[in-house]
């Protein structure tokens, strides 16, 4: 045996007629054959484009899984596992953001060779992305009509629309811990998008200025700020990748492209957690 080869240990399983294999457990036969380029003739770089978006959807699936758990844990006053879940979501976000650097290797001339074959398909139609935004509080009932032809996707979004957001549950948690969260926010219509509430800022001022007393709430606030900042970084990276690949062309799904994506940079999930920063350290 070559010195450059390690021996195969006798205990390594080789018979998978009965035993579960890695490929079967992960259903690799289906996953690795789920890429169906539509360009004619098939363009080399279309596989990159497909895999970039498929892997993003897998990460979004895990993000949703974790955010739903965080929401349940907050509702059950189980803050520590909720913080662990948010920490995992932040790592998922970093993976999603870094992925744009791979797609950014697709040059404008390369993309132009197969872009027309994509028809009207667009990342704007990602129902999992919309479900993530809904779960974080950026709800928009108008989005439901985009999925009228996809009943399962629409049902997922209706469920996310009608459920409380992570922020709703965090505020309810704070209220149960004795913080003076305005009652109208605890009883609000959760199907509506979150809007800035000035009366909530003093609640966070108290937490931040007395962090030793309210350490867990303070830590949770910072975790949510991290999550929103990561989301903004992802949006910005998306914008810059699109800009360098197609310039200011219209998006395949009918949007204005870069200009439409730029508007999303102004969206916020937890505006009071940013507003409190202006108040900290200001003499009363």
C-alpha atoms as a PDB file:
ATOM      1  CA  UNK A   1       0.000   0.000   0.000  1.00  0.00           C
ATOM      2  CA  UNK A   2       1.254   3.453  -0.888  1.00  0.00           C
ATOM      3  CA  UNK A   3       2.488   5.574   2.020  1.00  0.00           C
ATOM      4  CA  UNK A   4       0.144   8.253   0.724  1.00  0.00           C
ATOM      5  CA  UNK A   5      -2.921   6.122   1.435  1.00  0.00           C
ATOM      6  CA  UNK A   6      -4.443   5.506   4.819  1.00  0.00           C
ATOM      7  CA  UNK A   7      -5.691   1.970   5.516  1.00  0.00           C
ATOM      8  CA  UNK A   8      -9.411   1.263   5.425  1.00  0.00           C
ATOM      9  CA  UNK A   9     -10.298   0.130   8.922  1.00  0.00           C
ATOM     10  CA  UNK A  10     -12.012  -3.226   9.218  1.00  0.00           C
ATOM     11  CA  UNK A  11     -14.972  -1.708  11.059  1.00  0.00           C
ATOM     12  CA  UNK A  12     -15.963   0.606   8.176  1.00  0.00           C
ATOM     13  CA  UNK A  13     -19.405  -0.432   6.870  1.00  0.00           C
ATOM     14  CA  UNK A  14     -19.396  -1.511   3.228  1.00  0.00           C
ATOM     15  CA  UNK A  15     -22.681  -3.370   2.813  1.00  0.00           C
ATOM     16  CA  UNK A  16     -25.717  -1.100   2.320  1.00  0.00           C
ATOM     17  CA  UNK A  17     -28.290  -3.640   1.213  1.00  0.00           C
ATOM     18  CA  UNK A  18     -29.773  -3.317   4.698  1.00  0.00           C
ATOM     19  CA  UNK A  19     -27.789  -0.526   6.368  1.00  0.00           C
ATOM     20  CA  UNK A  20     -28.687   3.114   5.823  1.00  0.00           C
ATOM     21  CA  UNK A  21     -26.159   4.882   3.607  1.00  0.00           C
ATOM     22  CA  UNK A  22     -25.173   8.532   3.528  1.00  0.00           C
ATOM     23  CA  UNK A  23     -26.688   8.990   0.072  1.00  0.00           C
ATOM     24  CA  UNK A  24     -30.006   7.417   1.043  1.00  0.00           C
ATOM     25  CA  UNK A  25     -30.259   9.358   4.284  1.00  0.00           C
ATOM     26  CA  UNK A  26     -29.751  12.657   2.445  1.00  0.00           C
ATOM     27  CA  UNK A  27     -31.834  11.578  -0.571  1.00  0.00           C
ATOM     28  CA  UNK A  28     -28.944  12.598  -2.797  1.00  0.00           C
ATOM     29  CA  UNK A  29     -30.381  10.894  -5.868  1.00  0.00           C
ATOM     30  CA  UNK A  30     -33.172  13.461  -5.907  1.00  0.00           C
ATOM     31  CA  UNK A  31     -31.155  16.442  -4.687  1.00  0.00           C
ATOM     32  CA  UNK A  32     -28.324  16.025  -7.186  1.00  0.00           C
ATOM     33  CA  UNK A  33     -30.689  15.495 -10.112  1.00  0.00           C
ATOM     34  CA  UNK A  34     -32.924  18.483  -9.247  1.00  0.00           C
ATOM     35  CA  UNK A  35     -30.968  20.878 -11.480  1.00  0.00           C
ATOM     36  CA  UNK A  36     -32.656  21.285 -14.853  1.00  0.00           C
ATOM     37  CA  UNK A  37     -31.038  23.932 -17.049  1.00  0.00           C
ATOM     38  CA  UNK A  38     -33.420  25.431 -19.624  1.00  0.00           C
ATOM     39  CA  UNK A  39     -30.938  27.180 -21.899  1.00  0.00           C
ATOM     40  CA  UNK A  40     -30.539  25.806 -25.441  1.00  0.00           C
ATOM     41  CA  UNK A  41     -27.814  24.912 -26.003  1.00  0.00           C
ATOM     42  CA  UNK A  42     -27.174  24.365 -22.316  1.00  0.00           C
ATOM     43  CA  UNK A  43     -24.917  27.114 -20.992  1.00  0.00           C
ATOM     44  CA  UNK A  44     -22.075  26.140 -18.675  1.00  0.00           C
ATOM     45  CA  UNK A  45     -22.862  28.840 -16.070  1.00  0.00           C
ATOM     46  CA  UNK A  46     -26.565  28.071 -15.692  1.00  0.00           C
ATOM     47  CA  UNK A  47     -25.736  25.297 -13.221  1.00  0.00           C
ATOM     48  CA  UNK A  48     -24.089  27.887 -10.970  1.00  0.00           C
ATOM     49  CA  UNK A  49     -27.206  30.074 -11.194  1.00  0.00           C
ATOM     50  CA  UNK A  50     -29.532  27.189 -10.312  1.00  0.00           C
ATOM     51  CA  UNK A  51     -27.428  25.849  -7.441  1.00  0.00           C
ATOM     52  CA  UNK A  52     -26.976  29.319  -5.944  1.00  0.00           C
ATOM     53  CA  UNK A  53     -30.736  29.716  -5.636  1.00  0.00           C
ATOM     54  CA  UNK A  54     -31.455  26.135  -4.601  1.00  0.00           C
ATOM     55  CA  UNK A  55     -28.949  26.262  -1.753  1.00  0.00           C
ATOM     56  CA  UNK A  56     -30.379  29.619  -0.695  1.00  0.00           C
ATOM     57  CA  UNK A  57     -33.807  28.021  -0.458  1.00  0.00           C
ATOM     58  CA  UNK A  58     -32.404  25.226   1.716  1.00  0.00           C
ATOM     59  CA  UNK A  59     -30.880  27.771   4.081  1.00  0.00           C
ATOM     60  CA  UNK A  60     -34.174  29.705   4.118  1.00  0.00           C
ATOM     61  CA  UNK A  61     -35.970  26.491   5.048  1.00  0.00           C
ATOM     62  CA  UNK A  62     -33.667  26.059   8.035  1.00  0.00           C
ATOM     63  CA  UNK A  63     -34.005  29.734   8.976  1.00  0.00           C
ATOM     64  CA  UNK A  64     -37.782  29.400   9.026  1.00  0.00           C
ATOM     65  CA  UNK A  65     -37.515  26.242  11.104  1.00  0.00           C
ATOM     66  CA  UNK A  66     -35.374  28.067  13.671  1.00  0.00           C
ATOM     67  CA  UNK A  67     -37.436  31.270  13.745  1.00  0.00           C
ATOM     68  CA  UNK A  68     -40.637  29.329  14.332  1.00  0.00           C
ATOM     69  CA  UNK A  69     -38.959  27.595  17.257  1.00  0.00           C
ATOM     70  CA  UNK A  70     -37.721  30.954  18.611  1.00  0.00           C
ATOM     71  CA  UNK A  71     -41.263  32.277  18.431  1.00  0.00           C
ATOM     72  CA  UNK A  72     -42.596  29.276  20.385  1.00  0.00           C
ATOM     73  CA  UNK A  73     -39.829  29.535  22.970  1.00  0.00           C
ATOM     74  CA  UNK A  74     -40.467  33.223  23.580  1.00  0.00           C
ATOM     75  CA  UNK A  75     -44.165  32.488  23.975  1.00  0.00           C
ATOM     76  CA  UNK A  76     -43.231  29.914  26.611  1.00  0.00           C
ATOM     77  CA  UNK A  77     -40.867  32.312  28.459  1.00  0.00           C
ATOM     78  CA  UNK A  78     -37.988  30.045  27.496  1.00  0.00           C
ATOM     79  CA  UNK A  79     -35.524  32.771  26.573  1.00  0.00           C
ATOM     80  CA  UNK A  80     -32.215  30.907  26.627  1.00  0.00           C
ATOM     81  CA  UNK A  81     -33.100  28.393  23.881  1.00  0.00           C
ATOM     82  CA  UNK A  82     -34.605  31.296  21.918  1.00  0.00           C
ATOM     83  CA  UNK A  83     -31.277  33.129  22.090  1.00  0.00           C
ATOM     84  CA  UNK A  84     -29.502  29.966  20.956  1.00  0.00           C
ATOM     85  CA  UNK A  85     -31.890  29.783  17.999  1.00  0.00           C
ATOM     86  CA  UNK A  86     -31.238  33.403  17.069  1.00  0.00           C
ATOM     87  CA  UNK A  87     -27.497  32.753  17.207  1.00  0.00           C
ATOM     88  CA  UNK A  88     -27.950  29.894  14.738  1.00  0.00           C
ATOM     89  CA  UNK A  89     -30.041  32.080  12.455  1.00  0.00           C
ATOM     90  CA  UNK A  90     -27.228  34.640  12.399  1.00  0.00           C
ATOM     91  CA  UNK A  91     -24.786  31.985  11.182  1.00  0.00           C
ATOM     92  CA  UNK A  92     -27.263  30.967   8.473  1.00  0.00           C
ATOM     93  CA  UNK A  93     -27.494  34.601   7.408  1.00  0.00           C
ATOM     94  CA  UNK A  94     -23.723  34.808   7.070  1.00  0.00           C
ATOM     95  CA  UNK A  95     -23.742  31.756   4.804  1.00  0.00           C
ATOM     96  CA  UNK A  96     -26.453  33.332   2.646  1.00  0.00           C
ATOM     97  CA  UNK A  97     -24.556  36.599   2.397  1.00  0.00           C
ATOM     98  CA  UNK A  98     -21.252  34.940   1.520  1.00  0.00           C
ATOM     99  CA  UNK A  99     -22.951  32.957  -1.248  1.00  0.00           C
ATOM    100  CA  UNK A 100     -23.404  36.129  -3.277  1.00  0.00           C
ATOM    101  CA  UNK A 101     -19.641  36.205  -3.840  1.00  0.00           C
ATOM    102  CA  UNK A 102     -19.926  32.956  -5.807  1.00  0.00           C
ATOM    103  CA  UNK A 103     -22.747  34.255  -8.003  1.00  0.00           C
ATOM    104  CA  UNK A 104     -20.806  37.492  -8.507  1.00  0.00           C
ATOM    105  CA  UNK A 105     -18.266  35.511 -10.555  1.00  0.00           C
ATOM    106  CA  UNK A 106     -20.964  35.330 -13.251  1.00  0.00           C
ATOM    107  CA  UNK A 107     -20.086  38.128 -15.669  1.00  0.00           C
ATOM    108  CA  UNK A 108     -22.704  40.199 -17.548  1.00  0.00           C
ATOM    109  CA  UNK A 109     -21.818  38.586 -20.878  1.00  0.00           C
ATOM    110  CA  UNK A 110     -22.052  35.078 -19.405  1.00  0.00           C
ATOM    111  CA  UNK A 111     -25.427  35.722 -17.779  1.00  0.00           C
ATOM    112  CA  UNK A 112     -26.786  37.336 -20.954  1.00  0.00           C
ATOM    113  CA  UNK A 113     -26.284  34.056 -22.790  1.00  0.00           C
ATOM    114  CA  UNK A 114     -28.987  32.257 -20.799  1.00  0.00           C
ATOM    115  CA  UNK A 115     -30.995  34.974 -18.984  1.00  0.00           C
ATOM    116  CA  UNK A 116     -33.719  35.087 -21.654  1.00  0.00           C
ATOM    117  CA  UNK A 117     -34.498  31.418 -21.012  1.00  0.00           C
ATOM    118  CA  UNK A 118     -35.525  32.176 -17.407  1.00  0.00           C
ATOM    119  CA  UNK A 119     -38.788  33.737 -18.598  1.00  0.00           C
ATOM    120  CA  UNK A 120     -40.662  35.443 -15.786  1.00  0.00           C
ATOM    121  CA  UNK A 121     -39.121  33.389 -12.969  1.00  0.00           C
ATOM    122  CA  UNK A 122     -37.551  35.575 -10.304  1.00  0.00           C
ATOM    123  CA  UNK A 123     -36.242  35.436  -6.756  1.00  0.00           C
ATOM    124  CA  UNK A 124     -39.054  37.856  -5.928  1.00  0.00           C
ATOM    125  CA  UNK A 125     -41.301  34.786  -6.108  1.00  0.00           C
ATOM    126  CA  UNK A 126     -39.488  32.978  -3.270  1.00  0.00           C
ATOM    127  CA  UNK A 127     -42.281  32.124  -0.865  1.00  0.00           C
ATOM    128  CA  UNK A 128     -39.836  30.983   1.811  1.00  0.00           C
ATOM    129  CA  UNK A 129     -38.137  34.376   1.748  1.00  0.00           C
ATOM    130  CA  UNK A 130     -41.548  36.030   2.137  1.00  0.00           C
ATOM    131  CA  UNK A 131     -42.364  33.683   5.026  1.00  0.00           C
ATOM    132  CA  UNK A 132     -39.125  34.711   6.759  1.00  0.00           C
ATOM    133  CA  UNK A 133     -40.018  38.384   6.389  1.00  0.00           C
ATOM    134  CA  UNK A 134     -43.554  37.724   7.649  1.00  0.00           C
ATOM    135  CA  UNK A 135     -42.195  35.813  10.640  1.00  0.00           C
ATOM    136  CA  UNK A 136     -39.977  38.766  11.510  1.00  0.00           C
ATOM    137  CA  UNK A 137     -42.892  41.212  11.190  1.00  0.00           C
ATOM    138  CA  UNK A 138     -42.610  42.675   7.695  1.00  0.00           C
ATOM    139  CA  UNK A 139     -46.045  41.477   6.594  1.00  0.00           C
ATOM    140  CA  UNK A 140     -47.720  42.366   3.331  1.00  0.00           C
ATOM    141  CA  UNK A 141     -51.039  40.752   2.454  1.00  0.00           C
ATOM    142  CA  UNK A 142     -50.592  41.840  -1.174  1.00  0.00           C
ATOM    143  CA  UNK A 143     -47.888  39.195  -1.571  1.00  0.00           C
ATOM    144  CA  UNK A 144     -50.434  36.382  -1.234  1.00  0.00           C
ATOM    145  CA  UNK A 145     -51.847  36.911  -4.724  1.00  0.00           C
ATOM    146  CA  UNK A 146     -48.450  36.120  -6.270  1.00  0.00           C
ATOM    147  CA  UNK A 147     -48.893  32.549  -5.064  1.00  0.00           C
ATOM    148  CA  UNK A 148     -52.515  31.955  -6.076  1.00  0.00           C
ATOM    149  CA  UNK A 149     -51.288  29.239  -8.461  1.00  0.00           C
ATOM    150  CA  UNK A 150     -49.247  27.551  -5.716  1.00  0.00           C
ATOM    151  CA  UNK A 151     -51.714  26.490  -2.985  1.00  0.00           C
ATOM    152  CA  UNK A 152     -49.100  25.051  -0.616  1.00  0.00           C
ATOM    153  CA  UNK A 153     -46.941  28.167  -0.835  1.00  0.00           C
ATOM    154  CA  UNK A 154     -49.942  30.427  -0.322  1.00  0.00           C
ATOM    155  CA  UNK A 155     -51.067  28.396   2.688  1.00  0.00           C
ATOM    156  CA  UNK A 156     -47.599  28.748   4.241  1.00  0.00           C
ATOM    157  CA  UNK A 157     -47.744  32.509   3.806  1.00  0.00           C
ATOM    158  CA  UNK A 158     -51.281  32.789   5.166  1.00  0.00           C
ATOM    159  CA  UNK A 159     -50.156  30.904   8.257  1.00  0.00           C
ATOM    160  CA  UNK A 160     -47.159  33.227   8.677  1.00  0.00           C
ATOM    161  CA  UNK A 161     -49.351  36.287   8.077  1.00  0.00           C
ATOM    162  CA  UNK A 162     -51.860  35.289  10.741  1.00  0.00           C
ATOM    163  CA  UNK A 163     -49.290  34.221  13.337  1.00  0.00           C
ATOM    164  CA  UNK A 164     -47.569  36.571  15.738  1.00  0.00           C
ATOM    165  CA  UNK A 165     -44.093  37.643  14.684  1.00  0.00           C
ATOM    166  CA  UNK A 166     -40.889  37.007  16.610  1.00  0.00           C
ATOM    167  CA  UNK A 167     -40.993  40.662  17.690  1.00  0.00           C
ATOM    168  CA  UNK A 168     -44.611  40.351  18.853  1.00  0.00           C
ATOM    169  CA  UNK A 169     -43.650  37.408  21.047  1.00  0.00           C
ATOM    170  CA  UNK A 170     -40.578  39.200  22.381  1.00  0.00           C
ATOM    171  CA  UNK A 171     -42.707  42.173  23.451  1.00  0.00           C
ATOM    172  CA  UNK A 172     -45.212  39.845  25.103  1.00  0.00           C
ATOM    173  CA  UNK A 173     -42.332  38.163  26.903  1.00  0.00           C
ATOM    174  CA  UNK A 174     -41.069  41.545  28.136  1.00  0.00           C
ATOM    175  CA  UNK A 175     -44.544  42.414  29.370  1.00  0.00           C
ATOM    176  CA  UNK A 176     -44.776  39.181  31.357  1.00  0.00           C
ATOM    177  CA  UNK A 177     -41.384  40.016  32.864  1.00  0.00           C
ATOM    178  CA  UNK A 178     -42.783  43.275  34.221  1.00  0.00           C
ATOM    179  CA  UNK A 179     -41.739  45.754  31.518  1.00  0.00           C
ATOM    180  CA  UNK A 180     -44.256  48.481  30.613  1.00  0.00           C
ATOM    181  CA  UNK A 181     -44.987  47.475  27.042  1.00  0.00           C
ATOM    182  CA  UNK A 182     -48.030  49.482  25.851  1.00  0.00           C
ATOM    183  CA  UNK A 183     -51.141  47.309  26.049  1.00  0.00           C
ATOM    184  CA  UNK A 184     -52.282  48.202  22.545  1.00  0.00           C
ATOM    185  CA  UNK A 185     -49.112  46.594  21.156  1.00  0.00           C
ATOM    186  CA  UNK A 186     -49.841  43.375  23.007  1.00  0.00           C
ATOM    187  CA  UNK A 187     -53.331  43.279  21.505  1.00  0.00           C
ATOM    188  CA  UNK A 188     -52.535  44.543  18.012  1.00  0.00           C
ATOM    189  CA  UNK A 189     -53.692  42.957  14.748  1.00  0.00           C
ATOM    190  CA  UNK A 190     -50.690  40.753  13.987  1.00  0.00           C
ATOM    191  CA  UNK A 191     -51.582  40.480  10.289  1.00  0.00           C
ATOM    192  CA  UNK A 192     -50.546  44.121   9.819  1.00  0.00           C
ATOM    193  CA  UNK A 193     -46.936  45.118   9.186  1.00  0.00           C
ATOM    194  CA  UNK A 194     -45.085  46.446  12.197  1.00  0.00           C
ATOM    195  CA  UNK A 195     -44.858  50.228  12.393  1.00  0.00           C
ATOM    196  CA  UNK A 196     -42.700  52.374  14.634  1.00  0.00           C
ATOM    197  CA  UNK A 197     -44.203  53.060  18.068  1.00  0.00           C
ATOM    198  CA  UNK A 198     -42.545  55.887  19.976  1.00  0.00           C
ATOM    199  CA  UNK A 199     -44.156  54.752  23.245  1.00  0.00           C
ATOM    200  CA  UNK A 200     -42.120  51.558  23.112  1.00  0.00           C
ATOM    201  CA  UNK A 201     -38.742  53.308  23.028  1.00  0.00           C
ATOM    202  CA  UNK A 202     -38.735  54.173  26.785  1.00  0.00           C
ATOM    203  CA  UNK A 203     -39.118  50.459  27.545  1.00  0.00           C
ATOM    204  CA  UNK A 204     -35.887  49.747  25.718  1.00  0.00           C
ATOM    205  CA  UNK A 205     -34.172  52.808  27.207  1.00  0.00           C
ATOM    206  CA  UNK A 206     -34.840  51.374  30.662  1.00  0.00           C
ATOM    207  CA  UNK A 207     -33.457  47.974  29.650  1.00  0.00           C
ATOM    208  CA  UNK A 208     -30.301  49.446  28.089  1.00  0.00           C
ATOM    209  CA  UNK A 209     -29.620  51.880  30.919  1.00  0.00           C
ATOM    210  CA  UNK A 210     -30.097  49.128  33.520  1.00  0.00           C
ATOM    211  CA  UNK A 211     -28.474  46.256  31.675  1.00  0.00           C
ATOM    212  CA  UNK A 212     -27.139  44.563  34.827  1.00  0.00           C
ATOM    213  CA  UNK A 213     -30.661  44.294  36.191  1.00  0.00           C
ATOM    214  CA  UNK A 214     -32.224  43.261  32.874  1.00  0.00           C
ATOM    215  CA  UNK A 215     -29.287  41.405  31.342  1.00  0.00           C
ATOM    216  CA  UNK A 216     -31.274  38.681  29.563  1.00  0.00           C
ATOM    217  CA  UNK A 217     -33.657  41.176  27.955  1.00  0.00           C
ATOM    218  CA  UNK A 218     -30.675  43.367  27.063  1.00  0.00           C
ATOM    219  CA  UNK A 219     -28.912  40.430  25.416  1.00  0.00           C
ATOM    220  CA  UNK A 220     -32.058  39.515  23.482  1.00  0.00           C
ATOM    221  CA  UNK A 221     -32.367  43.079  22.187  1.00  0.00           C
ATOM    222  CA  UNK A 222     -28.817  42.942  20.852  1.00  0.00           C
ATOM    223  CA  UNK A 223     -29.411  39.548  19.236  1.00  0.00           C
ATOM    224  CA  UNK A 224     -32.392  40.995  17.364  1.00  0.00           C
ATOM    225  CA  UNK A 225     -30.327  43.990  16.253  1.00  0.00           C
ATOM    226  CA  UNK A 226     -27.647  41.594  14.985  1.00  0.00           C
ATOM    227  CA  UNK A 227     -30.280  39.675  13.054  1.00  0.00           C
ATOM    228  CA  UNK A 228     -31.658  42.812  11.409  1.00  0.00           C
ATOM    229  CA  UNK A 229     -28.202  44.117  10.571  1.00  0.00           C
ATOM    230  CA  UNK A 230     -27.345  40.778   8.939  1.00  0.00           C
ATOM    231  CA  UNK A 231     -30.546  40.973   6.932  1.00  0.00           C
ATOM    232  CA  UNK A 232     -29.584  44.422   5.678  1.00  0.00           C
ATOM    233  CA  UNK A 233     -26.115  43.198   4.745  1.00  0.00           C
ATOM    234  CA  UNK A 234     -27.704  40.339   2.776  1.00  0.00           C
ATOM    235  CA  UNK A 235     -30.000  42.774   0.965  1.00  0.00           C
ATOM    236  CA  UNK A 236     -27.097  45.073   0.142  1.00  0.00           C
ATOM    237  CA  UNK A 237     -24.958  42.186  -1.144  1.00  0.00           C
ATOM    238  CA  UNK A 238     -27.903  41.038  -3.260  1.00  0.00           C
ATOM    239  CA  UNK A 239     -28.283  44.534  -4.675  1.00  0.00           C
ATOM    240  CA  UNK A 240     -24.587  44.858  -5.565  1.00  0.00           C
ATOM    241  CA  UNK A 241     -24.477  41.396  -7.154  1.00  0.00           C
ATOM    242  CA  UNK A 242     -27.472  42.212  -9.341  1.00  0.00           C
ATOM    243  CA  UNK A 243     -26.002  45.609 -10.212  1.00  0.00           C
ATOM    244  CA  UNK A 244     -22.680  44.147 -11.366  1.00  0.00           C
ATOM    245  CA  UNK A 245     -24.403  41.378 -13.342  1.00  0.00           C
ATOM    246  CA  UNK A 246     -27.275  43.142 -15.141  1.00  0.00           C
ATOM    247  CA  UNK A 247     -26.741  46.818 -14.397  1.00  0.00           C
ATOM    248  CA  UNK A 248     -30.051  48.673 -14.299  1.00  0.00           C
ATOM    249  CA  UNK A 249     -32.078  46.337 -16.507  1.00  0.00           C
ATOM    250  CA  UNK A 250     -35.599  45.348 -15.505  1.00  0.00           C
ATOM    251  CA  UNK A 251     -35.806  42.196 -13.384  1.00  0.00           C
ATOM    252  CA  UNK A 252     -37.045  38.960 -14.956  1.00  0.00           C
ATOM    253  CA  UNK A 253     -40.086  39.033 -12.656  1.00  0.00           C
ATOM    254  CA  UNK A 254     -41.108  42.508 -13.853  1.00  0.00           C
ATOM    255  CA  UNK A 255     -39.579  44.661 -11.111  1.00  0.00           C
ATOM    256  CA  UNK A 256     -37.330  47.641 -11.806  1.00  0.00           C
ATOM    257  CA  UNK A 257     -34.366  45.537 -10.705  1.00  0.00           C
ATOM    258  CA  UNK A 258     -31.647  47.381  -8.803  1.00  0.00           C
ATOM    259  CA  UNK A 259     -33.882  50.357  -7.963  1.00  0.00           C
ATOM    260  CA  UNK A 260     -36.510  48.014  -6.518  1.00  0.00           C
ATOM    261  CA  UNK A 261     -33.900  46.216  -4.426  1.00  0.00           C
ATOM    262  CA  UNK A 262     -32.520  49.518  -3.169  1.00  0.00           C
ATOM    263  CA  UNK A 263     -35.937  50.407  -1.708  1.00  0.00           C
ATOM    264  CA  UNK A 264     -35.755  47.280   0.462  1.00  0.00           C
ATOM    265  CA  UNK A 265     -32.738  48.727   2.281  1.00  0.00           C
ATOM    266  CA  UNK A 266     -35.127  51.102   4.056  1.00  0.00           C
ATOM    267  CA  UNK A 267     -37.249  48.279   5.461  1.00  0.00           C
ATOM    268  CA  UNK A 268     -36.822  47.559   9.162  1.00  0.00           C
ATOM    269  CA  UNK A 269     -38.117  44.846  11.478  1.00  0.00           C
ATOM    270  CA  UNK A 270     -37.327  46.341  14.888  1.00  0.00           C
ATOM    271  CA  UNK A 271     -37.283  50.151  14.484  1.00  0.00           C
ATOM    272  CA  UNK A 272     -37.509  50.890  18.219  1.00  0.00           C
ATOM    273  CA  UNK A 273     -34.307  48.941  18.843  1.00  0.00           C
ATOM    274  CA  UNK A 274     -32.545  51.376  16.538  1.00  0.00           C
ATOM    275  CA  UNK A 275     -34.348  54.446  17.843  1.00  0.00           C
ATOM    276  CA  UNK A 276     -33.208  53.662  21.391  1.00  0.00           C
ATOM    277  CA  UNK A 277     -29.620  54.273  20.337  1.00  0.00           C
ATOM    278  CA  UNK A 278     -30.342  57.950  19.863  1.00  0.00           C
ATOM    279  CA  UNK A 279     -31.715  58.154  23.390  1.00  0.00           C
ATOM    280  CA  UNK A 280     -28.947  56.332  25.261  1.00  0.00           C
ATOM    281  CA  UNK A 281     -26.636  58.743  27.059  1.00  0.00           C
ATOM    282  CA  UNK A 282     -28.825  61.774  26.456  1.00  0.00           C
ATOM    283  CA  UNK A 283     -29.335  63.793  29.644  1.00  0.00           C
ATOM    284  CA  UNK A 284     -32.964  63.791  30.780  1.00  0.00           C
END
